[in-house]
N, C-alpha and C. Protein backbone atom coordinates (compact mmCIF):
# COMPACT_ATOMS: atom_id res chain seq x y z
N MET A 1 118.40 95.66 128.11
CA MET A 1 117.15 95.48 127.08
C MET A 1 117.01 93.99 126.92
N VAL A 2 117.98 93.80 126.08
CA VAL A 2 117.92 91.66 126.09
C VAL A 2 118.57 90.86 127.34
N ASN A 3 119.85 91.67 127.96
CA ASN A 3 120.38 90.54 129.01
C ASN A 3 120.62 91.73 130.13
N LYS A 4 120.61 91.73 130.75
CA LYS A 4 120.54 92.10 131.86
C LYS A 4 121.96 93.04 132.32
N ASN A 5 122.60 92.15 132.33
CA ASN A 5 123.96 92.11 133.21
C ASN A 5 125.19 92.64 131.70
N PHE A 6 124.62 92.98 130.69
CA PHE A 6 125.44 93.28 129.36
C PHE A 6 124.81 93.86 128.89
N PRO A 7 124.25 95.26 129.40
CA PRO A 7 122.93 95.77 127.92
C PRO A 7 123.36 96.30 127.18
N GLU A 8 124.90 97.12 127.08
CA GLU A 8 124.96 97.54 125.79
C GLU A 8 125.99 96.78 124.87
N ILE A 9 126.11 95.83 125.35
CA ILE A 9 126.18 94.24 123.89
C ILE A 9 124.90 93.83 123.48
N GLU A 10 124.07 93.80 124.03
CA GLU A 10 123.15 93.46 123.88
C GLU A 10 121.78 93.73 122.89
N GLU A 11 122.31 95.28 123.57
CA GLU A 11 121.19 96.37 122.29
C GLU A 11 122.08 96.80 121.34
N ARG A 12 123.49 96.48 121.41
CA ARG A 12 124.37 97.06 119.82
C ARG A 12 124.05 95.80 118.97
N LEU A 13 124.24 94.61 119.47
CA LEU A 13 123.64 93.65 118.74
C LEU A 13 122.48 93.30 118.19
N LEU A 14 121.71 93.85 118.99
CA LEU A 14 119.83 93.69 118.31
C LEU A 14 119.96 95.08 117.56
N GLY A 15 120.15 95.76 117.41
CA GLY A 15 120.34 97.07 116.52
C GLY A 15 120.91 96.51 115.06
N ALA A 16 122.04 95.98 115.40
CA ALA A 16 122.72 95.48 113.52
C ALA A 16 121.45 93.86 113.62
N TYR A 17 120.90 93.85 114.30
CA TYR A 17 120.06 92.72 113.38
C TYR A 17 118.87 93.11 113.78
N VAL A 18 118.07 94.64 113.88
CA VAL A 18 116.87 94.94 112.93
C VAL A 18 117.04 95.52 112.19
N GLY A 19 117.85 97.06 112.01
CA GLY A 19 118.65 97.33 111.25
C GLY A 19 119.16 98.89 111.53
N ALA A 20 119.54 99.74 110.87
CA ALA A 20 119.43 101.25 111.12
C ALA A 20 118.76 101.88 110.97
N LYS A 21 117.67 101.15 110.31
CA LYS A 21 116.98 101.98 109.04
C LYS A 21 115.46 102.00 110.52
N ASN A 22 115.36 101.20 110.78
CA ASN A 22 113.87 100.75 112.20
C ASN A 22 114.22 100.43 112.77
N ARG A 23 115.80 101.02 113.88
CA ARG A 23 116.24 100.46 115.44
C ARG A 23 115.41 101.18 115.21
N GLU A 24 115.61 102.66 115.90
CA GLU A 24 114.53 103.42 116.63
C GLU A 24 113.13 103.48 116.86
N TYR A 25 113.04 102.94 115.38
CA TYR A 25 110.98 102.79 115.65
C TYR A 25 111.71 101.40 116.97
N TYR A 26 112.17 100.66 116.50
CA TYR A 26 111.80 99.13 117.74
C TYR A 26 112.28 99.87 118.94
N PHE A 27 113.49 99.92 118.51
CA PHE A 27 113.76 100.42 120.50
C PHE A 27 112.99 101.17 121.19
N ASN A 28 112.18 102.20 120.34
CA ASN A 28 111.05 103.04 121.52
C ASN A 28 109.50 102.18 121.43
N LYS A 29 109.27 101.14 120.93
CA LYS A 29 108.14 100.33 121.24
C LYS A 29 108.45 99.44 121.67
N TRP A 30 109.54 98.97 122.18
CA TRP A 30 110.02 97.94 123.24
C TRP A 30 109.96 98.60 124.04
N ALA A 31 110.80 99.93 124.97
CA ALA A 31 111.32 100.47 125.47
C ALA A 31 109.36 101.24 126.06
N LYS A 32 108.33 101.05 125.11
CA LYS A 32 107.07 101.33 125.91
C LYS A 32 106.53 99.72 127.11
N SER A 33 106.95 98.50 126.11
CA SER A 33 106.24 97.56 126.19
C SER A 33 106.34 96.34 125.17
N ALA A 34 106.86 95.41 124.94
CA ALA A 34 107.39 94.92 123.66
C ALA A 34 105.74 94.29 122.89
N GLN A 35 104.84 94.23 123.43
CA GLN A 35 103.49 94.15 123.18
C GLN A 35 103.19 94.90 122.88
N THR A 36 103.56 96.12 121.93
CA THR A 36 102.46 97.01 121.13
C THR A 36 101.92 96.85 120.22
N TRP A 37 101.25 97.90 119.31
CA TRP A 37 100.40 97.32 118.48
C TRP A 37 101.16 97.58 117.07
N ASN A 38 101.12 97.17 115.94
CA ASN A 38 102.24 97.08 114.57
C ASN A 38 101.10 96.59 113.40
N TRP A 39 100.82 98.63 112.68
CA TRP A 39 99.73 98.34 111.90
C TRP A 39 100.03 97.89 110.70
N ALA A 40 101.62 97.80 109.70
CA ALA A 40 101.79 96.74 109.14
C ALA A 40 102.08 95.56 109.18
N ALA A 41 101.75 95.64 110.17
CA ALA A 41 102.25 93.58 110.88
C ALA A 41 100.27 93.47 110.62
N PHE A 42 99.74 94.72 111.06
CA PHE A 42 97.86 94.04 110.88
C PHE A 42 97.61 94.41 109.70
N PHE A 43 97.73 95.36 108.34
CA PHE A 43 97.01 94.83 107.69
C PHE A 43 97.75 93.96 106.58
N LEU A 44 99.17 93.71 106.64
CA LEU A 44 99.92 93.16 105.77
C LEU A 44 100.04 91.76 106.29
N SER A 45 100.42 91.02 107.39
CA SER A 45 99.72 89.72 108.01
C SER A 45 101.31 88.60 107.50
N PHE A 46 101.69 88.51 106.33
CA PHE A 46 101.73 87.49 106.18
C PHE A 46 102.75 87.86 104.69
N LEU A 47 102.36 89.57 104.36
CA LEU A 47 103.87 89.41 104.46
C LEU A 47 104.49 90.48 104.63
N TRP A 48 104.53 91.33 105.82
CA TRP A 48 104.81 92.15 107.43
C TRP A 48 106.35 90.62 107.38
N LEU A 49 105.85 89.82 107.41
CA LEU A 49 106.24 88.44 108.02
C LEU A 49 107.44 87.95 107.00
N GLY A 50 107.18 88.01 105.66
CA GLY A 50 108.07 87.87 105.12
C GLY A 50 108.83 89.14 105.43
N TYR A 51 109.07 90.35 104.97
CA TYR A 51 109.42 90.67 104.41
C TYR A 51 110.42 91.38 106.12
N ARG A 52 109.84 90.74 106.71
CA ARG A 52 111.19 90.76 108.31
C ARG A 52 111.89 89.33 108.33
N LYS A 53 112.07 88.77 107.32
CA LYS A 53 112.48 87.40 107.45
C LYS A 53 111.56 86.60 108.41
N MET A 54 110.53 85.86 108.34
CA MET A 54 110.04 85.53 110.21
C MET A 54 109.23 84.36 109.70
N TYR A 55 110.21 83.51 108.11
CA TYR A 55 109.03 82.94 107.80
C TYR A 55 108.87 82.04 108.84
N SER A 56 109.66 80.73 109.30
CA SER A 56 108.29 79.91 110.45
C SER A 56 107.49 80.29 110.54
N TYR A 57 106.71 82.07 111.22
CA TYR A 57 105.22 82.02 111.47
C TYR A 57 104.77 81.90 110.58
N ILE A 58 104.98 81.55 108.93
CA ILE A 58 104.12 81.85 107.21
C ILE A 58 103.75 80.07 107.65
N PHE A 59 105.00 79.37 107.74
CA PHE A 59 104.26 77.87 107.62
C PHE A 59 103.31 77.92 109.18
N MET A 60 103.62 78.47 110.16
CA MET A 60 102.85 78.23 110.55
C MET A 60 101.38 78.64 111.15
N VAL A 61 101.06 79.15 110.55
CA VAL A 61 99.39 80.07 109.95
C VAL A 61 99.60 79.33 109.15
N ILE A 62 100.33 78.97 107.89
CA ILE A 62 99.64 78.50 106.92
C ILE A 62 98.93 76.68 106.59
N GLY A 63 100.38 76.52 108.24
CA GLY A 63 100.17 74.65 108.17
C GLY A 63 98.10 74.69 109.27
N ILE A 64 98.19 76.01 110.28
CA ILE A 64 96.75 76.09 110.92
C ILE A 64 95.64 76.06 109.34
N PHE A 65 95.65 77.22 108.37
CA PHE A 65 94.68 76.76 107.16
C PHE A 65 95.36 75.50 106.68
N LEU A 66 95.63 75.08 106.98
CA LEU A 66 95.60 73.55 105.89
C LEU A 66 95.30 72.78 106.65
N LEU A 67 95.63 72.67 107.97
CA LEU A 67 95.01 71.38 109.00
C LEU A 67 93.23 71.70 108.80
N TYR A 68 93.32 73.26 108.87
CA TYR A 68 91.38 73.40 108.47
C TYR A 68 90.93 72.93 107.79
N ASP A 69 91.80 73.18 106.10
CA ASP A 69 90.52 73.01 105.19
C ASP A 69 90.48 70.94 105.31
N LEU A 70 91.53 70.90 105.96
CA LEU A 70 91.27 68.66 105.20
C LEU A 70 90.61 68.47 106.95
N ILE A 71 90.15 69.64 108.04
CA ILE A 71 89.53 69.00 108.50
C ILE A 71 88.13 68.74 107.66
N ILE A 72 87.46 69.93 107.26
CA ILE A 72 86.31 70.23 106.98
C ILE A 72 85.91 69.04 105.55
N VAL A 73 88.10 68.61 105.01
CA VAL A 73 87.11 68.08 103.88
C VAL A 73 86.90 66.53 104.66
N PHE A 74 87.85 65.79 105.57
CA PHE A 74 87.71 65.38 106.03
C PHE A 74 85.92 64.11 107.18
N SER A 75 85.55 65.29 107.31
CA SER A 75 85.25 65.79 108.63
C SER A 75 83.67 65.91 107.75
N GLY A 76 83.24 66.62 106.68
CA GLY A 76 81.62 66.73 105.56
C GLY A 76 81.51 67.98 106.27
N PHE A 77 82.04 68.77 107.39
CA PHE A 77 81.81 70.06 107.40
C PHE A 77 82.25 70.92 107.59
N GLU A 78 81.29 72.28 107.56
CA GLU A 78 82.27 73.53 106.80
C GLU A 78 81.81 74.07 108.66
N PHE A 79 82.46 74.55 109.23
CA PHE A 79 82.58 75.12 110.62
C PHE A 79 82.42 76.64 110.21
N GLY A 80 82.60 77.00 109.33
CA GLY A 80 82.39 78.98 108.70
C GLY A 80 83.03 79.90 109.10
N MET A 81 84.95 79.50 109.78
CA MET A 81 85.39 80.22 110.36
C MET A 81 87.10 80.64 109.71
N ASP A 82 86.94 79.82 108.10
CA ASP A 82 87.77 80.11 107.22
C ASP A 82 88.17 82.12 107.25
N SER A 83 87.01 83.16 106.88
CA SER A 83 87.64 84.46 106.96
C SER A 83 88.27 84.78 108.44
N THR A 84 88.14 83.81 109.37
CA THR A 84 87.41 84.12 111.02
C THR A 84 89.01 83.81 111.01
N ILE A 85 89.48 82.94 110.91
CA ILE A 85 90.95 82.93 111.13
C ILE A 85 92.23 83.57 110.25
N GLY A 86 91.32 84.20 108.80
CA GLY A 86 92.24 85.37 108.58
C GLY A 86 91.89 86.60 109.25
N ILE A 87 90.94 86.98 109.92
CA ILE A 87 91.04 88.18 110.63
C ILE A 87 91.46 87.63 111.69
N THR A 88 91.76 86.68 112.60
CA THR A 88 92.44 86.38 113.87
C THR A 88 93.84 86.62 113.82
N VAL A 89 94.27 86.36 112.65
CA VAL A 89 95.83 86.17 112.09
C VAL A 89 96.09 87.31 111.90
N SER A 90 95.17 88.28 111.32
CA SER A 90 95.39 89.60 111.31
C SER A 90 95.90 90.83 112.89
N VAL A 91 94.77 90.57 113.18
CA VAL A 91 94.86 91.10 114.80
C VAL A 91 95.29 90.21 115.73
N ILE A 92 96.10 89.05 115.55
CA ILE A 92 97.22 88.43 115.78
C ILE A 92 98.77 89.61 115.96
N CYS A 93 99.04 89.85 114.73
CA CYS A 93 100.27 90.48 113.65
C CYS A 93 99.96 91.23 114.97
N GLY A 94 98.85 92.45 114.44
CA GLY A 94 99.24 93.45 114.97
C GLY A 94 99.47 93.07 116.19
N LEU A 95 98.89 92.66 117.49
CA LEU A 95 98.91 93.17 118.88
C LEU A 95 100.19 92.80 118.67
N LEU A 96 100.68 91.39 118.40
CA LEU A 96 102.21 90.61 118.98
C LEU A 96 102.88 90.91 118.21
N GLY A 97 103.48 91.91 116.84
CA GLY A 97 103.85 91.90 116.05
C GLY A 97 104.82 92.47 116.84
N ASN A 98 105.07 93.17 117.32
CA ASN A 98 106.64 93.83 117.77
C ASN A 98 107.20 92.35 118.81
N TYR A 99 106.02 92.44 119.86
CA TYR A 99 106.67 91.14 120.72
C TYR A 99 107.01 90.13 119.79
N LEU A 100 106.26 89.47 119.00
CA LEU A 100 107.23 87.58 117.78
C LEU A 100 108.58 88.81 117.15
N TYR A 101 108.71 90.28 116.89
CA TYR A 101 109.40 90.44 116.28
C TYR A 101 110.81 90.31 116.89
N LEU A 102 111.01 90.60 117.85
CA LEU A 102 112.44 90.73 119.76
C LEU A 102 112.27 89.42 120.24
N MET A 103 111.53 88.55 119.90
CA MET A 103 111.56 87.08 120.31
C MET A 103 113.12 86.45 119.62
N HIS A 104 112.06 86.97 117.69
CA HIS A 104 112.49 86.39 116.96
C HIS A 104 114.59 86.54 117.07
N ALA A 105 114.67 88.00 116.98
CA ALA A 105 115.82 88.70 116.59
C ALA A 105 116.59 87.83 117.98
N ASN A 106 115.67 88.07 119.12
CA ASN A 106 116.61 87.31 120.78
C ASN A 106 117.14 85.77 120.41
N LYS A 107 116.37 84.83 119.81
CA LYS A 107 116.72 83.67 119.57
C LYS A 107 118.11 83.70 117.74
N GLU A 108 117.10 84.58 116.99
CA GLU A 108 118.54 85.02 115.48
C GLU A 108 119.97 85.30 116.75
N ILE A 109 120.73 86.12 117.90
CA ILE A 109 121.39 86.52 118.33
C ILE A 109 121.94 85.67 118.25
N LYS A 110 120.76 85.02 119.64
CA LYS A 110 121.20 84.17 120.24
C LYS A 110 122.56 82.48 119.78
N ARG A 111 121.69 82.24 118.61
CA ARG A 111 122.19 81.31 117.65
C ARG A 111 123.56 82.15 116.78
N VAL A 112 123.43 83.54 116.55
CA VAL A 112 124.28 83.91 115.78
C VAL A 112 125.59 83.90 116.60
N THR A 113 125.96 84.36 118.47
CA THR A 113 126.41 84.34 118.98
C THR A 113 127.45 82.84 119.88
N GLU A 114 126.21 82.63 119.85
CA GLU A 114 127.00 80.51 119.61
C GLU A 114 128.03 79.82 118.73
N GLN A 115 127.00 79.92 117.65
CA GLN A 115 127.70 79.95 116.37
C GLN A 115 128.87 80.33 116.29
N ASN A 116 129.72 81.53 116.88
CA ASN A 116 130.25 82.47 115.68
C ASN A 116 131.32 82.43 117.24
N SER A 117 132.32 82.28 117.25
CA SER A 117 132.66 82.94 118.60
C SER A 117 134.67 83.90 117.90
N ALA A 118 133.96 84.11 116.66
CA ALA A 118 134.62 85.17 116.09
C ALA A 118 134.72 87.03 116.72
N SER A 119 135.28 87.55 116.17
CA SER A 119 135.12 89.26 117.10
C SER A 119 133.71 89.27 116.81
N MET A 120 133.81 90.67 117.64
CA MET A 120 132.25 91.11 117.94
C MET A 120 131.90 91.91 116.81
N GLU A 121 132.98 92.78 115.46
CA GLU A 121 132.29 92.57 114.07
C GLU A 121 131.75 91.71 113.73
N ASN A 122 132.61 90.36 112.92
CA ASN A 122 132.30 89.49 112.83
C ASN A 122 130.78 88.83 113.17
N ILE A 123 130.15 89.16 114.45
CA ILE A 123 128.98 88.88 114.40
C ILE A 123 127.84 89.86 114.75
N HIS A 124 128.43 91.39 114.10
CA HIS A 124 127.97 92.17 114.18
C HIS A 124 127.41 92.45 112.53
N ALA A 125 128.19 92.19 111.69
CA ALA A 125 128.05 91.63 110.42
C ALA A 125 127.62 91.48 109.87
N GLU A 126 127.18 89.80 110.44
CA GLU A 126 126.59 88.60 110.56
C GLU A 126 125.19 88.85 111.22
N LEU A 127 124.83 89.39 112.18
CA LEU A 127 123.77 89.79 112.13
C LEU A 127 122.46 90.60 111.07
N GLU A 128 123.56 91.64 110.64
CA GLU A 128 123.63 92.89 109.53
C GLU A 128 123.20 91.81 108.69
N LYS A 129 123.32 90.51 107.87
CA LYS A 129 123.37 90.30 106.73
C LYS A 129 121.67 89.27 107.15
N ARG A 130 121.92 88.82 108.43
CA ARG A 130 120.18 87.61 108.81
C ARG A 130 119.46 88.94 109.43
N GLY A 131 119.71 89.60 109.50
CA GLY A 131 118.57 90.99 110.07
C GLY A 131 117.82 91.67 109.15
N GLY A 132 117.34 92.43 109.65
CA GLY A 132 117.07 93.68 108.73
C GLY A 132 115.72 93.65 107.73
N THR A 133 115.66 93.83 107.20
CA THR A 133 114.14 94.02 106.71
C THR A 133 115.04 93.37 104.18
N SER A 134 113.48 92.85 104.14
CA SER A 134 113.96 91.89 103.06
C SER A 134 112.70 92.14 101.70
N TRP A 135 112.89 92.73 100.49
CA TRP A 135 111.55 92.53 99.63
C TRP A 135 111.61 91.11 99.06
N LEU A 136 112.60 90.39 99.11
CA LEU A 136 112.71 89.28 98.69
C LEU A 136 111.28 88.16 99.77
N GLY A 137 112.18 89.08 100.70
CA GLY A 137 111.54 87.92 101.99
C GLY A 137 109.73 88.09 101.68
N VAL A 138 108.82 89.06 101.32
CA VAL A 138 108.35 89.53 100.97
C VAL A 138 107.76 89.03 99.30
N LEU A 139 108.25 88.53 98.52
CA LEU A 139 108.01 87.64 97.72
C LEU A 139 107.74 86.19 97.78
N VAL A 140 108.93 85.09 99.00
CA VAL A 140 108.69 84.60 99.23
C VAL A 140 107.89 83.72 100.32
N ALA A 141 106.76 85.38 101.26
CA ALA A 141 105.67 85.23 101.30
C ALA A 141 104.82 85.30 100.68
N PHE A 142 104.33 85.77 99.64
CA PHE A 142 103.29 85.90 98.63
C PHE A 142 103.54 84.87 97.53
N GLY A 143 104.50 84.10 97.60
CA GLY A 143 104.59 82.16 96.49
C GLY A 143 104.47 81.36 97.89
N MET A 144 104.70 81.26 99.50
CA MET A 144 104.08 80.83 100.62
C MET A 144 102.56 80.62 100.39
N ILE A 145 102.43 81.78 100.15
CA ILE A 145 100.29 82.01 99.97
C ILE A 145 99.62 81.59 98.94
N ILE A 146 100.19 81.40 97.54
CA ILE A 146 100.23 80.40 96.73
C ILE A 146 100.59 79.67 96.40
N MET A 147 101.19 78.35 96.82
CA MET A 147 100.60 77.87 97.31
C MET A 147 100.34 76.53 98.26
N TYR A 148 99.41 78.12 99.09
CA TYR A 148 99.42 77.45 99.80
C TYR A 148 96.74 77.34 99.48
N ILE A 149 96.93 78.21 98.35
CA ILE A 149 96.14 77.99 97.54
C ILE A 149 95.96 77.56 96.36
N ILE A 150 96.85 76.56 95.68
CA ILE A 150 97.45 75.74 95.27
C ILE A 150 97.12 74.20 95.97
N LEU A 151 97.08 74.17 97.20
CA LEU A 151 97.44 73.19 97.70
C LEU A 151 95.84 72.87 98.66
N ALA A 152 95.63 73.77 98.47
CA ALA A 152 93.85 74.04 99.64
C ALA A 152 92.95 73.40 97.94
N ALA A 153 93.06 74.46 97.38
CA ALA A 153 92.48 73.95 95.31
C ALA A 153 92.76 71.93 94.85
N PHE A 154 93.77 71.93 95.87
CA PHE A 154 94.01 70.33 95.77
C PHE A 154 93.23 69.58 96.38
N ILE A 155 93.27 69.44 98.16
CA ILE A 155 92.01 68.91 98.93
C ILE A 155 90.94 69.27 98.69
N TYR A 156 90.73 70.06 98.08
CA TYR A 156 89.24 70.37 98.17
C TYR A 156 88.94 70.03 96.59
N GLY A 157 89.93 69.78 95.66
CA GLY A 157 89.65 68.58 94.04
C GLY A 157 88.78 69.85 93.31
N VAL A 158 89.22 71.15 93.35
CA VAL A 158 89.02 71.93 92.73
C VAL A 158 90.03 72.39 91.08
C-alpha cells in the first residue's frame, strides 16, 4: 500500500498510526481509492482535522481566511466570498479528507522511521502515540477557531 517492496511492514506501521479502532475503516477506503468521500470531514472540517491531529491543515485554512480578511480591509472591497470559503473548505475536506489523512500518516511514518533507529516495536509504539485520534485535538482546533475570530475582529476593528 505505502511501499511496494515491503507492503506488510508499511501496512503494519500505517495500522499503528491510524489506530486499531479505525484501521479497518480507513484501509477499506484506501483500498478502493485514497480519494473517497468522508462525511465526518465534510460536516466537521476543522474539528475533524483536529481529531486526526492534522494541525498544519487547520493553520493553512485559517491563514487563507486571515488573508481574505486582510485583503478586504486593505482594499476596501468585499468580494462576498466569506461563506463560499467555508463551504469550499467543507467540500474539500469531504472529498480529500481520506487522501489528506493518508498523506499525513505517510509523512509521520517516514519521520518516525528516519528519526528512530530502534526496534520495530519502539517505532510501532511511537506511531501509536503520534497517530490515532485525539479529543484534545478537537479542543485545539476549536481554540484555533476562537483565535481566528479574535484576530478577525481585531482586523475589522470590531
